[in-house]
Amino acid sequence: MHIDFRHLRTIRAIHQAGGLARAADLLHITQSALSHQIKGLEDQAGVELFVRRSKPLKLSAAGLRLLRVAEKVLPEVEALEAEFSGLRQGSAGRLHIAVECHACFEWLFPVLERFRQTWADVDIDIRPGLAFDALPALQKEEVDLVVSSDPETLDGVVFQPLFDYEPLFVASSQHALTARDHVIAEDFRDETLITYPVDRSRLDVFTELLTPAKVEPRAVRQIELTAVILLLVASNRGVAVLPDWVLREQRSSTEYVTRKLTPKGVTKRLYAAVREDDADKPFMAHLIRLAREIPLHLQKPVEPA
């Protein structure tokens, strides 16, 4: 016996329509062609699938059994067809994101909330890129986008600019260093530096200031939450260096103040690293556009290079 999807769709249509004429309309074929399909299906099965001379046309016990199979199988097949169609049209796919910037989760979640309003069929997952080598994982197709401030030259990978930001020195309003308009590396020698719990190679204060100057703070204290870092800074238990957009997002306070790093300040740029083959996917392009726009008051957007 050979039963294909056409047969399953036929049995379902006849059951839904209650007659051959309406079922033929549903299937977009002639009533004659439908009658031939039924005869061929019954010949294949070796049993009658319909109760003859009944109005509306009814399924036999064997026909009902085949209908149950059709109602189980066809929705899965149709869902698969819709998924493949979405992939072809760029309306569906996988978007697994690795984040190398610890503070970036604070703006990424609003971005993804907006993104899902348009791309509900895209499978989204977030992995802390600080826990593994995110960029090699991108090349291996283990993740699809990496948020990073450290662009590299990698085969098959492009770095899309998102926004510029400025790392700022943060200290209690009572701290002596706030009497100046900027700080330098040497100013950290006698300070307790409060940072996120990540490797120094991922912290702007080290990569842009302390490591090049070979300066080591008196102590380094790692704290997970931005709000707790600012609470400790305000109580004069240490100093910090945080992105300007993070500070603008926090509730304003007179208990801490900010100063530039070096007389001219430091400017960094955040990127979305994606595979070249994925860069033009509609949902990928939309996510990157949202990442540049949301929320505008926290960022300094930049145009693609």
C-alpha atoms as a PDB file:
ATOM      1  CA  MET A   1       0.000   0.000   0.000  1.00  0.00           C
ATOM      2  CA  HIS A   2       1.289   3.448  -0.938  1.00  0.00           C
ATOM      3  CA  ILE A   3      -0.298   6.462   0.755  1.00  0.00           C
ATOM      4  CA  ASP A   4       1.137   9.929   0.118  1.00  0.00           C
ATOM      5  CA  PHE A   5       0.365  13.416   1.449  1.00  0.00           C
ATOM      6  CA  ARG A   6      -2.143  13.968  -1.365  1.00  0.00           C
ATOM      7  CA  HIS A   7      -4.258  11.107  -0.043  1.00  0.00           C
ATOM      8  CA  LEU A   8      -4.137  12.480   3.493  1.00  0.00           C
ATOM      9  CA  ARG A   9      -5.173  15.930   2.294  1.00  0.00           C
ATOM     10  CA  THR A  10      -8.037  14.350   0.318  1.00  0.00           C
ATOM     11  CA  ILE A  11      -9.465  12.448   3.280  1.00  0.00           C
ATOM     12  CA  ARG A  12      -9.235  15.530   5.470  1.00  0.00           C
ATOM     13  CA  ALA A  13     -10.890  17.788   2.894  1.00  0.00           C
ATOM     14  CA  ILE A  14     -13.821  15.417   2.362  1.00  0.00           C
ATOM     15  CA  HIS A  15     -14.367  15.144   6.113  1.00  0.00           C
ATOM     16  CA  GLN A  16     -14.234  18.934   6.542  1.00  0.00           C
ATOM     17  CA  ALA A  17     -16.462  19.660   3.527  1.00  0.00           C
ATOM     18  CA  GLY A  18     -18.998  16.858   3.993  1.00  0.00           C
ATOM     19  CA  GLY A  19     -19.289  16.255   0.267  1.00  0.00           C
ATOM     20  CA  LEU A  20     -17.298  15.737  -2.910  1.00  0.00           C
ATOM     21  CA  ALA A  21     -18.181  19.022  -4.612  1.00  0.00           C
ATOM     22  CA  ARG A  22     -17.079  21.255  -1.732  1.00  0.00           C
ATOM     23  CA  ALA A  23     -14.022  19.068  -1.067  1.00  0.00           C
ATOM     24  CA  ALA A  24     -13.000  19.409  -4.717  1.00  0.00           C
ATOM     25  CA  ASP A  25     -13.218  23.186  -4.346  1.00  0.00           C
ATOM     26  CA  LEU A  26     -11.021  23.065  -1.238  1.00  0.00           C
ATOM     27  CA  LEU A  27      -8.431  21.009  -3.082  1.00  0.00           C
ATOM     28  CA  HIS A  28      -8.694  23.092  -6.267  1.00  0.00           C
ATOM     29  CA  ILE A  29      -9.425  20.062  -8.458  1.00  0.00           C
ATOM     30  CA  THR A  30     -12.477  18.835 -10.357  1.00  0.00           C
ATOM     31  CA  GLN A  31     -15.038  16.568  -8.726  1.00  0.00           C
ATOM     32  CA  SER A  32     -14.227  13.916 -11.299  1.00  0.00           C
ATOM     33  CA  ALA A  33     -10.539  14.021 -10.417  1.00  0.00           C
ATOM     34  CA  LEU A  34     -11.408  13.755  -6.730  1.00  0.00           C
ATOM     35  CA  SER A  35     -13.591  10.694  -7.372  1.00  0.00           C
ATOM     36  CA  HIS A  36     -10.662   9.022  -9.150  1.00  0.00           C
ATOM     37  CA  GLN A  37      -8.410   9.835  -6.172  1.00  0.00           C
ATOM     38  CA  ILE A  38     -10.892   8.213  -3.779  1.00  0.00           C
ATOM     39  CA  LYS A  39     -11.177   5.066  -5.898  1.00  0.00           C
ATOM     40  CA  GLY A  40      -7.413   4.816  -6.201  1.00  0.00           C
ATOM     41  CA  LEU A  41      -6.978   5.304  -2.436  1.00  0.00           C
ATOM     42  CA  GLU A  42      -9.546   2.601  -1.636  1.00  0.00           C
ATOM     43  CA  ASP A  43      -7.897   0.264  -4.122  1.00  0.00           C
ATOM     44  CA  GLN A  44      -4.579   0.889  -2.385  1.00  0.00           C
ATOM     45  CA  ALA A  45      -6.037   0.322   1.090  1.00  0.00           C
ATOM     46  CA  GLY A  46      -8.143  -2.662   0.065  1.00  0.00           C
ATOM     47  CA  VAL A  47     -11.064  -1.417   2.190  1.00  0.00           C
ATOM     48  CA  GLU A  48     -13.903   1.055   1.802  1.00  0.00           C
ATOM     49  CA  LEU A  49     -13.076   4.419   3.358  1.00  0.00           C
ATOM     50  CA  PHE A  50     -16.513   6.000   2.943  1.00  0.00           C
ATOM     51  CA  VAL A  51     -20.074   5.006   3.786  1.00  0.00           C
ATOM     52  CA  ARG A  52     -21.809   5.033   0.440  1.00  0.00           C
ATOM     53  CA  ARG A  53     -25.206   6.681  -0.076  1.00  0.00           C
ATOM     54  CA  SER A  54     -24.878   8.787   3.079  1.00  0.00           C
ATOM     55  CA  LYS A  55     -25.560  12.529   3.138  1.00  0.00           C
ATOM     56  CA  PRO A  56     -23.379  14.231   4.077  1.00  0.00           C
ATOM     57  CA  LEU A  57     -20.700  11.807   2.952  1.00  0.00           C
ATOM     58  CA  LYS A  58     -19.372   9.938   5.982  1.00  0.00           C
ATOM     59  CA  LEU A  59     -16.151   8.118   6.642  1.00  0.00           C
ATOM     60  CA  SER A  60     -16.151   4.432   7.431  1.00  0.00           C
ATOM     61  CA  ALA A  61     -14.266   3.068  10.443  1.00  0.00           C
ATOM     62  CA  ALA A  62     -11.213   2.583   8.200  1.00  0.00           C
ATOM     63  CA  GLY A  63     -11.659   6.095   6.829  1.00  0.00           C
ATOM     64  CA  LEU A  64     -11.782   7.550  10.344  1.00  0.00           C
ATOM     65  CA  ARG A  65      -8.557   5.753  11.173  1.00  0.00           C
ATOM     66  CA  LEU A  66      -6.899   7.288   8.128  1.00  0.00           C
ATOM     67  CA  LEU A  67      -8.349  10.683   9.078  1.00  0.00           C
ATOM     68  CA  ARG A  68      -6.689  10.496  12.514  1.00  0.00           C
ATOM     69  CA  VAL A  69      -3.351   9.899  10.803  1.00  0.00           C
ATOM     70  CA  ALA A  70      -3.991  12.832   8.453  1.00  0.00           C
ATOM     71  CA  GLU A  71      -4.854  15.170  11.347  1.00  0.00           C
ATOM     72  CA  LYS A  72      -1.654  14.161  13.126  1.00  0.00           C
ATOM     73  CA  VAL A  73       0.753  14.198  10.200  1.00  0.00           C
ATOM     74  CA  LEU A  74      -0.458  17.074   8.018  1.00  0.00           C
ATOM     75  CA  PRO A  75      -0.096  19.873  10.616  1.00  0.00           C
ATOM     76  CA  GLU A  76       3.529  18.854  11.179  1.00  0.00           C
ATOM     77  CA  VAL A  77       4.205  18.750   7.449  1.00  0.00           C
ATOM     78  CA  GLU A  78       2.522  22.121   6.937  1.00  0.00           C
ATOM     79  CA  ALA A  79       4.503  23.637   9.815  1.00  0.00           C
ATOM     80  CA  LEU A  80       7.710  22.323   8.248  1.00  0.00           C
ATOM     81  CA  GLU A  81       6.729  23.757   4.863  1.00  0.00           C
ATOM     82  CA  ALA A  82       6.018  27.133   6.497  1.00  0.00           C
ATOM     83  CA  GLU A  83       9.367  27.020   8.290  1.00  0.00           C
ATOM     84  CA  PHE A  84      11.261  26.257   5.086  1.00  0.00           C
ATOM     85  CA  SER A  85       9.329  28.967   3.290  1.00  0.00           C
ATOM     86  CA  GLY A  86      10.278  31.416   6.046  1.00  0.00           C
ATOM     87  CA  LEU A  87      13.927  30.441   5.699  1.00  0.00           C
ATOM     88  CA  ARG A  88      13.796  31.018   1.952  1.00  0.00           C
ATOM     89  CA  GLN A  89      12.108  34.397   2.402  1.00  0.00           C
ATOM     90  CA  GLY A  90      14.310  35.452   5.332  1.00  0.00           C
ATOM     91  CA  SER A  91      11.425  35.687   7.826  1.00  0.00           C
ATOM     92  CA  ALA A  92      12.605  32.801  10.014  1.00  0.00           C
ATOM     93  CA  GLY A  93      15.878  31.341  11.169  1.00  0.00           C
ATOM     94  CA  ARG A  94      18.227  31.016  14.111  1.00  0.00           C
ATOM     95  CA  LEU A  95      19.798  33.918  15.981  1.00  0.00           C
ATOM     96  CA  HIS A  96      22.079  32.772  18.776  1.00  0.00           C
ATOM     97  CA  ILE A  97      23.924  35.737  20.284  1.00  0.00           C
ATOM     98  CA  ALA A  98      27.154  35.774  22.272  1.00  0.00           C
ATOM     99  CA  VAL A  99      27.903  38.897  24.317  1.00  0.00           C
ATOM    100  CA  GLU A 100      31.509  39.791  25.157  1.00  0.00           C
ATOM    101  CA  CYS A 101      30.484  43.041  26.859  1.00  0.00           C
ATOM    102  CA  HIS A 102      29.249  42.409  30.424  1.00  0.00           C
ATOM    103  CA  ALA A 103      27.213  45.622  30.657  1.00  0.00           C
ATOM    104  CA  CYS A 104      25.681  45.124  27.211  1.00  0.00           C
ATOM    105  CA  PHE A 105      22.864  42.959  28.518  1.00  0.00           C
ATOM    106  CA  GLU A 106      21.300  46.170  29.886  1.00  0.00           C
ATOM    107  CA  TRP A 107      20.596  47.515  26.381  1.00  0.00           C
ATOM    108  CA  LEU A 108      20.351  44.195  24.520  1.00  0.00           C
ATOM    109  CA  PHE A 109      17.137  43.026  26.216  1.00  0.00           C
ATOM    110  CA  PRO A 110      15.066  46.062  25.086  1.00  0.00           C
ATOM    111  CA  VAL A 111      16.482  45.559  21.594  1.00  0.00           C
ATOM    112  CA  LEU A 112      15.337  41.928  21.544  1.00  0.00           C
ATOM    113  CA  GLU A 113      11.890  42.839  22.863  1.00  0.00           C
ATOM    114  CA  ARG A 114      11.388  45.127  19.879  1.00  0.00           C
ATOM    115  CA  PHE A 115      12.941  42.589  17.522  1.00  0.00           C
ATOM    116  CA  ARG A 116      10.525  39.805  18.512  1.00  0.00           C
ATOM    117  CA  GLN A 117       7.535  41.997  17.655  1.00  0.00           C
ATOM    118  CA  THR A 118       8.524  41.688  13.992  1.00  0.00           C
ATOM    119  CA  TRP A 119      10.427  38.397  13.897  1.00  0.00           C
ATOM    120  CA  ALA A 120       8.448  36.052  16.130  1.00  0.00           C
ATOM    121  CA  ASP A 121       9.571  33.006  14.093  1.00  0.00           C
ATOM    122  CA  VAL A 122      13.283  33.586  14.653  1.00  0.00           C
ATOM    123  CA  ASP A 123      14.776  31.303  17.301  1.00  0.00           C
ATOM    124  CA  ILE A 124      16.687  33.574  19.734  1.00  0.00           C
ATOM    125  CA  ASP A 125      19.192  32.469  22.347  1.00  0.00           C
ATOM    126  CA  ILE A 126      21.798  34.433  24.324  1.00  0.00           C
ATOM    127  CA  ARG A 127      25.093  33.057  25.559  1.00  0.00           C
ATOM    128  CA  PRO A 128      27.567  34.984  27.738  1.00  0.00           C
ATOM    129  CA  GLY A 129      30.485  35.253  25.345  1.00  0.00           C
ATOM    130  CA  LEU A 130      32.804  35.871  28.267  1.00  0.00           C
ATOM    131  CA  ALA A 131      32.546  32.199  29.222  1.00  0.00           C
ATOM    132  CA  PHE A 132      33.974  30.853  25.931  1.00  0.00           C
ATOM    133  CA  ASP A 133      35.791  31.963  22.767  1.00  0.00           C
ATOM    134  CA  ALA A 134      32.894  33.676  21.041  1.00  0.00           C
ATOM    135  CA  LEU A 135      34.498  34.631  17.734  1.00  0.00           C
ATOM    136  CA  PRO A 136      35.819  31.133  16.931  1.00  0.00           C
ATOM    137  CA  ALA A 137      32.338  29.869  17.863  1.00  0.00           C
ATOM    138  CA  LEU A 138      30.906  32.315  15.326  1.00  0.00           C
ATOM    139  CA  GLN A 139      33.146  30.919  12.592  1.00  0.00           C
ATOM    140  CA  LYS A 140      32.080  27.374  13.526  1.00  0.00           C
ATOM    141  CA  GLU A 141      28.391  28.417  13.310  1.00  0.00           C
ATOM    142  CA  GLU A 142      27.848  27.635  16.998  1.00  0.00           C
ATOM    143  CA  VAL A 143      26.575  31.205  17.439  1.00  0.00           C
ATOM    144  CA  ASP A 144      25.298  33.676  14.840  1.00  0.00           C
ATOM    145  CA  LEU A 145      26.204  37.105  16.232  1.00  0.00           C
ATOM    146  CA  VAL A 146      28.833  38.318  18.694  1.00  0.00           C
ATOM    147  CA  VAL A 147      28.605  41.674  20.477  1.00  0.00           C
ATOM    148  CA  SER A 148      32.196  42.853  20.914  1.00  0.00           C
ATOM    149  CA  SER A 149      34.322  45.976  21.238  1.00  0.00           C
ATOM    150  CA  ASP A 150      37.414  44.216  19.885  1.00  0.00           C
ATOM    151  CA  PRO A 151      37.206  43.780  16.092  1.00  0.00           C
ATOM    152  CA  GLU A 152      39.570  41.294  14.481  1.00  0.00           C
ATOM    153  CA  THR A 153      40.389  40.245  10.940  1.00  0.00           C
ATOM    154  CA  LEU A 154      38.714  36.854  10.576  1.00  0.00           C
ATOM    155  CA  ASP A 155      37.897  34.844   7.465  1.00  0.00           C
ATOM    156  CA  GLY A 156      34.201  34.981   6.660  1.00  0.00           C
ATOM    157  CA  VAL A 157      33.356  37.410   9.476  1.00  0.00           C
ATOM    158  CA  VAL A 158      32.329  41.071   9.238  1.00  0.00           C
ATOM    159  CA  PHE A 159      32.135  43.555  12.110  1.00  0.00           C
ATOM    160  CA  GLN A 160      29.113  45.854  11.849  1.00  0.00           C
ATOM    161  CA  PRO A 161      29.544  49.082  13.886  1.00  0.00           C
ATOM    162  CA  LEU A 162      26.793  49.688  16.442  1.00  0.00           C
ATOM    163  CA  PHE A 163      27.656  52.775  18.507  1.00  0.00           C
ATOM    164  CA  ASP A 164      30.512  54.714  20.052  1.00  0.00           C
ATOM    165  CA  TYR A 165      30.853  55.151  23.790  1.00  0.00           C
ATOM    166  CA  GLU A 166      33.252  56.709  26.278  1.00  0.00           C
ATOM    167  CA  PRO A 167      34.579  54.845  29.336  1.00  0.00           C
ATOM    168  CA  LEU A 168      34.419  57.245  32.299  1.00  0.00           C
ATOM    169  CA  PHE A 169      36.100  57.323  35.689  1.00  0.00           C
ATOM    170  CA  VAL A 170      33.487  57.154  38.467  1.00  0.00           C
ATOM    171  CA  ALA A 171      34.152  58.160  42.080  1.00  0.00           C
ATOM    172  CA  SER A 172      32.407  59.464  45.155  1.00  0.00           C
ATOM    173  CA  SER A 173      31.684  63.185  45.128  1.00  0.00           C
ATOM    174  CA  GLN A 174      33.967  63.333  48.178  1.00  0.00           C
ATOM    175  CA  HIS A 175      36.912  61.703  46.421  1.00  0.00           C
ATOM    176  CA  ALA A 176      40.015  63.858  45.989  1.00  0.00           C
ATOM    177  CA  LEU A 177      40.449  62.959  42.317  1.00  0.00           C
ATOM    178  CA  THR A 178      37.130  64.567  41.406  1.00  0.00           C
ATOM    179  CA  ALA A 179      38.693  67.972  41.924  1.00  0.00           C
ATOM    180  CA  ARG A 180      40.316  67.483  38.505  1.00  0.00           C
ATOM    181  CA  ASP A 181      38.657  67.235  35.086  1.00  0.00           C
ATOM    182  CA  HIS A 182      40.406  63.968  34.161  1.00  0.00           C
ATOM    183  CA  VAL A 183      42.415  61.107  35.598  1.00  0.00           C
ATOM    184  CA  ILE A 184      45.461  59.243  34.306  1.00  0.00           C
ATOM    185  CA  ALA A 185      46.801  55.752  34.837  1.00  0.00           C
ATOM    186  CA  GLU A 186      49.032  56.709  37.767  1.00  0.00           C
ATOM    187  CA  ASP A 187      45.988  57.900  39.717  1.00  0.00           C
ATOM    188  CA  PHE A 188      44.827  54.284  40.121  1.00  0.00           C
ATOM    189  CA  ARG A 189      47.901  53.020  41.993  1.00  0.00           C
ATOM    190  CA  ASP A 190      46.447  53.781  45.415  1.00  0.00           C
ATOM    191  CA  GLU A 191      42.825  52.958  44.570  1.00  0.00           C
ATOM    192  CA  THR A 192      40.505  49.994  44.972  1.00  0.00           C
ATOM    193  CA  LEU A 193      39.170  49.472  41.470  1.00  0.00           C
ATOM    194  CA  ILE A 194      35.672  47.978  41.284  1.00  0.00           C
ATOM    195  CA  THR A 195      35.003  46.071  38.041  1.00  0.00           C
ATOM    196  CA  TYR A 196      32.652  43.539  36.528  1.00  0.00           C
ATOM    197  CA  PRO A 197      33.724  39.901  37.112  1.00  0.00           C
ATOM    198  CA  VAL A 198      35.415  39.435  33.734  1.00  0.00           C
ATOM    199  CA  ASP A 199      38.952  38.998  32.456  1.00  0.00           C
ATOM    200  CA  ARG A 200      41.078  42.156  32.290  1.00  0.00           C
ATOM    201  CA  SER A 201      41.353  41.794  28.530  1.00  0.00           C
ATOM    202  CA  ARG A 202      37.612  42.623  28.379  1.00  0.00           C
ATOM    203  CA  LEU A 203      37.778  45.724  30.608  1.00  0.00           C
ATOM    204  CA  ASP A 204      38.397  49.119  28.991  1.00  0.00           C
ATOM    205  CA  VAL A 205      40.164  50.512  32.045  1.00  0.00           C
ATOM    206  CA  PHE A 206      42.900  47.898  31.648  1.00  0.00           C
ATOM    207  CA  THR A 207      43.113  47.627  27.853  1.00  0.00           C
ATOM    208  CA  GLU A 208      42.989  51.385  27.217  1.00  0.00           C
ATOM    209  CA  LEU A 209      44.778  52.790  30.268  1.00  0.00           C
ATOM    210  CA  LEU A 210      46.360  50.644  32.970  1.00  0.00           C
ATOM    211  CA  THR A 211      47.980  47.795  31.049  1.00  0.00           C
ATOM    212  CA  PRO A 212      49.747  50.033  28.479  1.00  0.00           C
ATOM    213  CA  ALA A 213      51.042  52.188  31.357  1.00  0.00           C
ATOM    214  CA  LYS A 214      52.009  49.105  33.444  1.00  0.00           C
ATOM    215  CA  VAL A 215      50.014  50.415  36.387  1.00  0.00           C
ATOM    216  CA  GLU A 216      48.421  48.090  38.938  1.00  0.00           C
ATOM    217  CA  PRO A 217      45.652  49.317  41.267  1.00  0.00           C
ATOM    218  CA  ARG A 218      46.090  48.762  44.991  1.00  0.00           C
ATOM    219  CA  ALA A 219      43.211  46.262  44.849  1.00  0.00           C
ATOM    220  CA  VAL A 220      40.616  44.997  42.377  1.00  0.00           C
ATOM    221  CA  ARG A 221      37.141  44.105  43.568  1.00  0.00           C
ATOM    222  CA  GLN A 222      34.733  42.336  41.213  1.00  0.00           C
ATOM    223  CA  ILE A 223      30.982  43.013  41.388  1.00  0.00           C
ATOM    224  CA  GLU A 224      28.261  41.589  39.125  1.00  0.00           C
ATOM    225  CA  LEU A 225      25.651  44.378  39.161  1.00  0.00           C
ATOM    226  CA  THR A 226      26.102  47.947  37.955  1.00  0.00           C
ATOM    227  CA  ALA A 227      23.810  49.304  40.678  1.00  0.00           C
ATOM    228  CA  VAL A 228      25.943  47.676  43.380  1.00  0.00           C
ATOM    229  CA  ILE A 229      29.135  49.026  41.822  1.00  0.00           C
ATOM    230  CA  LEU A 230      27.710  52.545  41.938  1.00  0.00           C
ATOM    231  CA  LEU A 231      26.513  52.045  45.510  1.00  0.00           C
ATOM    232  CA  LEU A 232      30.022  51.077  46.607  1.00  0.00           C
ATOM    233  CA  VAL A 233      31.549  53.972  44.661  1.00  0.00           C
ATOM    234  CA  ALA A 234      29.103  56.442  46.208  1.00  0.00           C
ATOM    235  CA  SER A 235      30.061  55.202  49.679  1.00  0.00           C
ATOM    236  CA  ASN A 236      33.738  55.820  48.822  1.00  0.00           C
ATOM    237  CA  ARG A 237      34.722  52.131  48.963  1.00  0.00           C
ATOM    238  CA  GLY A 238      36.457  52.278  45.618  1.00  0.00           C
ATOM    239  CA  VAL A 239      36.406  53.768  42.141  1.00  0.00           C
ATOM    240  CA  ALA A 240      35.194  52.382  38.818  1.00  0.00           C
ATOM    241  CA  VAL A 241      35.350  52.904  35.075  1.00  0.00           C
ATOM    242  CA  LEU A 242      32.037  52.411  33.270  1.00  0.00           C
ATOM    243  CA  PRO A 243      30.671  53.189  29.792  1.00  0.00           C
ATOM    244  CA  ASP A 244      28.936  56.550  29.553  1.00  0.00           C
ATOM    245  CA  TRP A 245      25.706  54.974  28.268  1.00  0.00           C
ATOM    246  CA  VAL A 246      25.554  52.705  31.322  1.00  0.00           C
ATOM    247  CA  LEU A 247      25.802  55.722  33.597  1.00  0.00           C
ATOM    248  CA  ARG A 248      23.117  57.618  31.673  1.00  0.00           C
ATOM    249  CA  GLU A 249      20.813  54.631  32.116  1.00  0.00           C
ATOM    250  CA  GLN A 250      21.238  54.622  35.886  1.00  0.00           C
ATOM    251  CA  ARG A 251      19.237  56.906  38.117  1.00  0.00           C
ATOM    252  CA  SER A 252      21.080  60.208  38.552  1.00  0.00           C
ATOM    253  CA  SER A 253      22.849  60.660  41.852  1.00  0.00           C
ATOM    254  CA  THR A 254      24.791  63.437  43.553  1.00  0.00           C
ATOM    255  CA  GLU A 255      26.804  60.814  45.460  1.00  0.00           C
ATOM    256  CA  TYR A 256      29.189  60.066  42.619  1.00  0.00           C
ATOM    257  CA  VAL A 257      30.721  62.062  39.775  1.00  0.00           C
ATOM    258  CA  THR A 258      32.454  61.173  36.510  1.00  0.00           C
ATOM    259  CA  ARG A 259      35.692  62.304  34.939  1.00  0.00           C
ATOM    260  CA  LYS A 260      37.457  61.625  31.635  1.00  0.00           C
ATOM    261  CA  LEU A 261      40.229  59.078  31.261  1.00  0.00           C
ATOM    262  CA  THR A 262      43.250  61.118  30.126  1.00  0.00           C
ATOM    263  CA  PRO A 263      42.956  64.789  29.107  1.00  0.00           C
ATOM    264  CA  LYS A 264      41.329  63.968  25.750  1.00  0.00           C
ATOM    265  CA  GLY A 265      39.162  61.111  26.972  1.00  0.00           C
ATOM    266  CA  VAL A 266      38.849  57.636  25.438  1.00  0.00           C
ATOM    267  CA  THR A 267      36.397  56.614  22.716  1.00  0.00           C
ATOM    268  CA  LYS A 268      35.463  52.988  22.065  1.00  0.00           C
ATOM    269  CA  ARG A 269      33.146  51.406  19.518  1.00  0.00           C
ATOM    270  CA  LEU A 270      30.834  48.439  19.959  1.00  0.00           C
ATOM    271  CA  TYR A 271      30.362  46.013  17.063  1.00  0.00           C
ATOM    272  CA  ALA A 272      28.112  43.172  15.989  1.00  0.00           C
ATOM    273  CA  ALA A 273      30.256  40.436  14.444  1.00  0.00           C
ATOM    274  CA  VAL A 274      28.363  38.205  11.984  1.00  0.00           C
ATOM    275  CA  ARG A 275      29.250  35.759   9.267  1.00  0.00           C
ATOM    276  CA  GLU A 276      29.423  37.333   5.796  1.00  0.00           C
ATOM    277  CA  ASP A 277      26.805  34.912   4.467  1.00  0.00           C
ATOM    278  CA  ASP A 278      24.331  36.015   7.177  1.00  0.00           C
ATOM    279  CA  ALA A 279      24.924  39.762   7.056  1.00  0.00           C
ATOM    280  CA  ASP A 280      22.234  40.404   4.430  1.00  0.00           C
ATOM    281  CA  LYS A 281      19.521  38.286   6.027  1.00  0.00           C
ATOM    282  CA  PRO A 282      16.529  40.584   6.647  1.00  0.00           C
ATOM    283  CA  PHE A 283      16.159  39.701  10.321  1.00  0.00           C
ATOM    284  CA  MET A 284      19.889  40.104  10.963  1.00  0.00           C
ATOM    285  CA  ALA A 285      19.930  43.535   9.314  1.00  0.00           C
ATOM    286  CA  HIS A 286      16.866  44.567  11.329  1.00  0.00           C
ATOM    287  CA  LEU A 287      18.422  43.496  14.634  1.00  0.00           C
ATOM    288  CA  ILE A 288      21.581  45.480  13.914  1.00  0.00           C
ATOM    289  CA  ARG A 289      19.492  48.526  13.000  1.00  0.00           C
ATOM    290  CA  LEU A 290      17.568  48.244  16.275  1.00  0.00           C
ATOM    291  CA  ALA A 291      20.819  47.842  18.209  1.00  0.00           C
ATOM    292  CA  ARG A 292      21.955  51.181  16.790  1.00  0.00           C
ATOM    293  CA  GLU A 293      18.670  52.907  17.632  1.00  0.00           C
ATOM    294  CA  ILE A 294      17.499  51.528  21.012  1.00  0.00           C
ATOM    295  CA  PRO A 295      17.658  53.400  23.204  1.00  0.00           C
ATOM    296  CA  LEU A 296      19.046  56.429  21.416  1.00  0.00           C
ATOM    297  CA  HIS A 297      19.477  58.481  24.581  1.00  0.00           C
ATOM    298  CA  LEU A 298      21.954  55.886  25.875  1.00  0.00           C
ATOM    299  CA  GLN A 299      24.105  55.674  22.787  1.00  0.00           C
ATOM    300  CA  LYS A 300      26.049  57.575  20.180  1.00  0.00           C
ATOM    301  CA  PRO A 301      24.941  55.784  16.973  1.00  0.00           C
ATOM    302  CA  VAL A 302      27.357  55.411  14.094  1.00  0.00           C
ATOM    303  CA  GLU A 303      26.760  54.703  10.451  1.00  0.00           C
ATOM    304  CA  PRO A 304      28.158  51.547   8.832  1.00  0.00           C
ATOM    305  CA  ALA A 305      31.666  51.921   7.479  1.00  0.00           C
END
